């Protein structure tokens, strides 16, 4: 069963790539980390990645990040919760996150 989604809604699912020391090392193994909308599921994330980057997704793992507390003086609040997607691609595909110089 295939469900077609609106292309504009699919593109809005991906917020930004997560770039840290650990994630840049995992790029060599064809594993990429993205911050995505909290309401999205694995199927929607897969469609969004394949549409935006023209690649074939092998596996997707997702996790909800817990809210972090933030203090400003005596006031205490929470930062927003997000969902993190760990995406593994097939061997012959790559996502170009950095410009080669």
C-alpha atoms as a PDB file:
ATOM      1  CA  UNK A   1       0.000   0.000   0.000  1.00  0.00           C
ATOM      2  CA  UNK A   2       1.548   3.280  -1.104  1.00  0.00           C
ATOM      3  CA  UNK A   3       0.302   6.583   0.169  1.00  0.00           C
ATOM      4  CA  UNK A   4       1.038   9.748  -1.801  1.00  0.00           C
ATOM      5  CA  UNK A   5       1.705  12.908   0.197  1.00  0.00           C
ATOM      6  CA  UNK A   6       1.834  16.515  -0.938  1.00  0.00           C
ATOM      7  CA  UNK A   7       5.405  17.426  -2.007  1.00  0.00           C
ATOM      8  CA  UNK A   8       5.417  20.697  -0.058  1.00  0.00           C
ATOM      9  CA  UNK A   9       4.439  18.914   3.161  1.00  0.00           C
ATOM     10  CA  UNK A  10       7.076  16.228   2.594  1.00  0.00           C
ATOM     11  CA  UNK A  11       9.857  18.765   2.086  1.00  0.00           C
ATOM     12  CA  UNK A  12       8.898  20.555   5.331  1.00  0.00           C
ATOM     13  CA  UNK A  13       9.451  17.350   7.354  1.00  0.00           C
ATOM     14  CA  UNK A  14      13.258  17.716   7.277  1.00  0.00           C
ATOM     15  CA  UNK A  15      14.410  20.634   9.418  1.00  0.00           C
ATOM     16  CA  UNK A  16      18.207  20.488   9.196  1.00  0.00           C
ATOM     17  CA  UNK A  17      21.136  18.029   9.255  1.00  0.00           C
ATOM     18  CA  UNK A  18      22.841  17.444  12.599  1.00  0.00           C
ATOM     19  CA  UNK A  19      26.558  18.145  12.197  1.00  0.00           C
ATOM     20  CA  UNK A  20      28.849  17.215  15.094  1.00  0.00           C
ATOM     21  CA  UNK A  21      32.159  15.364  15.373  1.00  0.00           C
ATOM     22  CA  UNK A  22      30.403  12.049  15.893  1.00  0.00           C
ATOM     23  CA  UNK A  23      27.997  12.508  12.966  1.00  0.00           C
ATOM     24  CA  UNK A  24      30.722  13.585  10.528  1.00  0.00           C
ATOM     25  CA  UNK A  25      32.646  10.390  11.339  1.00  0.00           C
ATOM     26  CA  UNK A  26      29.536   8.326  10.625  1.00  0.00           C
ATOM     27  CA  UNK A  27      29.165   9.897   7.158  1.00  0.00           C
ATOM     28  CA  UNK A  28      32.021   7.625   6.037  1.00  0.00           C
ATOM     29  CA  UNK A  29      29.777   4.650   6.882  1.00  0.00           C
ATOM     30  CA  UNK A  30      26.913   6.202   4.858  1.00  0.00           C
ATOM     31  CA  UNK A  31      24.912   7.135   7.976  1.00  0.00           C
ATOM     32  CA  UNK A  32      23.362  10.614   8.212  1.00  0.00           C
ATOM     33  CA  UNK A  33      21.580  12.399  11.068  1.00  0.00           C
ATOM     34  CA  UNK A  34      18.695  14.829  10.536  1.00  0.00           C
ATOM     35  CA  UNK A  35      16.387  16.811  12.796  1.00  0.00           C
ATOM     36  CA  UNK A  36      12.798  16.214  11.655  1.00  0.00           C
ATOM     37  CA  UNK A  37       9.284  17.214  12.690  1.00  0.00           C
ATOM     38  CA  UNK A  38       8.025  15.499  15.823  1.00  0.00           C
ATOM     39  CA  UNK A  39       4.769  14.327  14.192  1.00  0.00           C
ATOM     40  CA  UNK A  40       6.433  12.609  11.232  1.00  0.00           C
ATOM     41  CA  UNK A  41       6.775   8.835  10.939  1.00  0.00           C
ATOM     42  CA  UNK A  42       9.481   6.693   9.319  1.00  0.00           C
ATOM     43  CA  UNK A  43       7.643   6.322   6.025  1.00  0.00           C
ATOM     44  CA  UNK A  44       7.233  10.104   5.618  1.00  0.00           C
ATOM     45  CA  UNK A  45      10.885  10.697   6.531  1.00  0.00           C
ATOM     46  CA  UNK A  46      11.992   8.108   3.961  1.00  0.00           C
ATOM     47  CA  UNK A  47       9.912   9.768   1.237  1.00  0.00           C
ATOM     48  CA  UNK A  48      11.286  13.202   2.138  1.00  0.00           C
ATOM     49  CA  UNK A  49      14.940  12.107   2.064  1.00  0.00           C
ATOM     50  CA  UNK A  50      14.516  10.249  -1.225  1.00  0.00           C
ATOM     51  CA  UNK A  51      12.700  13.203  -2.807  1.00  0.00           C
ATOM     52  CA  UNK A  52      15.034  15.975  -1.638  1.00  0.00           C
ATOM     53  CA  UNK A  53      18.413  14.258  -2.080  1.00  0.00           C
ATOM     54  CA  UNK A  54      17.616  11.724  -4.874  1.00  0.00           C
ATOM     55  CA  UNK A  55      19.013   8.751  -2.942  1.00  0.00           C
ATOM     56  CA  UNK A  56      17.780   5.305  -1.878  1.00  0.00           C
ATOM     57  CA  UNK A  57      17.256   4.800   1.875  1.00  0.00           C
ATOM     58  CA  UNK A  58      18.216   1.432   3.356  1.00  0.00           C
ATOM     59  CA  UNK A  59      17.196   1.906   7.000  1.00  0.00           C
ATOM     60  CA  UNK A  60      15.769   4.592   9.295  1.00  0.00           C
ATOM     61  CA  UNK A  61      15.977   4.826  13.077  1.00  0.00           C
ATOM     62  CA  UNK A  62      14.178   7.597  14.944  1.00  0.00           C
ATOM     63  CA  UNK A  63      14.294   8.889  18.484  1.00  0.00           C
ATOM     64  CA  UNK A  64      12.527  11.622  20.399  1.00  0.00           C
ATOM     65  CA  UNK A  65      14.918  13.934  22.198  1.00  0.00           C
ATOM     66  CA  UNK A  66      13.853  14.900  25.728  1.00  0.00           C
ATOM     67  CA  UNK A  67      13.052  18.554  26.471  1.00  0.00           C
ATOM     68  CA  UNK A  68      15.959  20.491  27.972  1.00  0.00           C
ATOM     69  CA  UNK A  69      15.475  22.976  30.790  1.00  0.00           C
ATOM     70  CA  UNK A  70      16.600  26.566  30.306  1.00  0.00           C
ATOM     71  CA  UNK A  71      16.961  29.160  33.039  1.00  0.00           C
ATOM     72  CA  UNK A  72      16.958  32.912  32.672  1.00  0.00           C
ATOM     73  CA  UNK A  73      17.417  34.421  36.127  1.00  0.00           C
ATOM     74  CA  UNK A  74      14.778  33.014  38.427  1.00  0.00           C
ATOM     75  CA  UNK A  75      12.562  31.849  35.574  1.00  0.00           C
ATOM     76  CA  UNK A  76      12.721  28.281  34.344  1.00  0.00           C
ATOM     77  CA  UNK A  77      11.391  26.935  31.053  1.00  0.00           C
ATOM     78  CA  UNK A  78      11.838  24.152  28.543  1.00  0.00           C
ATOM     79  CA  UNK A  79      13.270  24.073  25.045  1.00  0.00           C
ATOM     80  CA  UNK A  80      11.118  22.375  22.434  1.00  0.00           C
ATOM     81  CA  UNK A  81      11.224  18.635  21.868  1.00  0.00           C
ATOM     82  CA  UNK A  82      12.394  17.360  18.502  1.00  0.00           C
ATOM     83  CA  UNK A  83      12.761  14.063  16.709  1.00  0.00           C
ATOM     84  CA  UNK A  84      16.116  12.841  15.442  1.00  0.00           C
ATOM     85  CA  UNK A  85      16.304  10.572  12.380  1.00  0.00           C
ATOM     86  CA  UNK A  86      19.334   8.341  11.772  1.00  0.00           C
ATOM     87  CA  UNK A  87      19.351   7.420   8.096  1.00  0.00           C
ATOM     88  CA  UNK A  88      21.423   4.675   6.483  1.00  0.00           C
ATOM     89  CA  UNK A  89      21.764   4.780   2.700  1.00  0.00           C
ATOM     90  CA  UNK A  90      22.573   2.052   0.209  1.00  0.00           C
ATOM     91  CA  UNK A  91      26.287   1.806  -0.621  1.00  0.00           C
ATOM     92  CA  UNK A  92      26.241   3.480  -4.024  1.00  0.00           C
ATOM     93  CA  UNK A  93      24.430   6.646  -2.808  1.00  0.00           C
ATOM     94  CA  UNK A  94      25.875   9.690  -1.004  1.00  0.00           C
ATOM     95  CA  UNK A  95      24.417  12.947   0.325  1.00  0.00           C
ATOM     96  CA  UNK A  96      26.644  15.940  -0.299  1.00  0.00           C
ATOM     97  CA  UNK A  97      26.401  18.042   2.887  1.00  0.00           C
ATOM     98  CA  UNK A  98      29.751  19.825   2.518  1.00  0.00           C
ATOM     99  CA  UNK A  99      31.183  21.650  -0.469  1.00  0.00           C
ATOM    100  CA  UNK A 100      34.514  20.269  -1.683  1.00  0.00           C
ATOM    101  CA  UNK A 101      37.204  22.920  -1.841  1.00  0.00           C
END
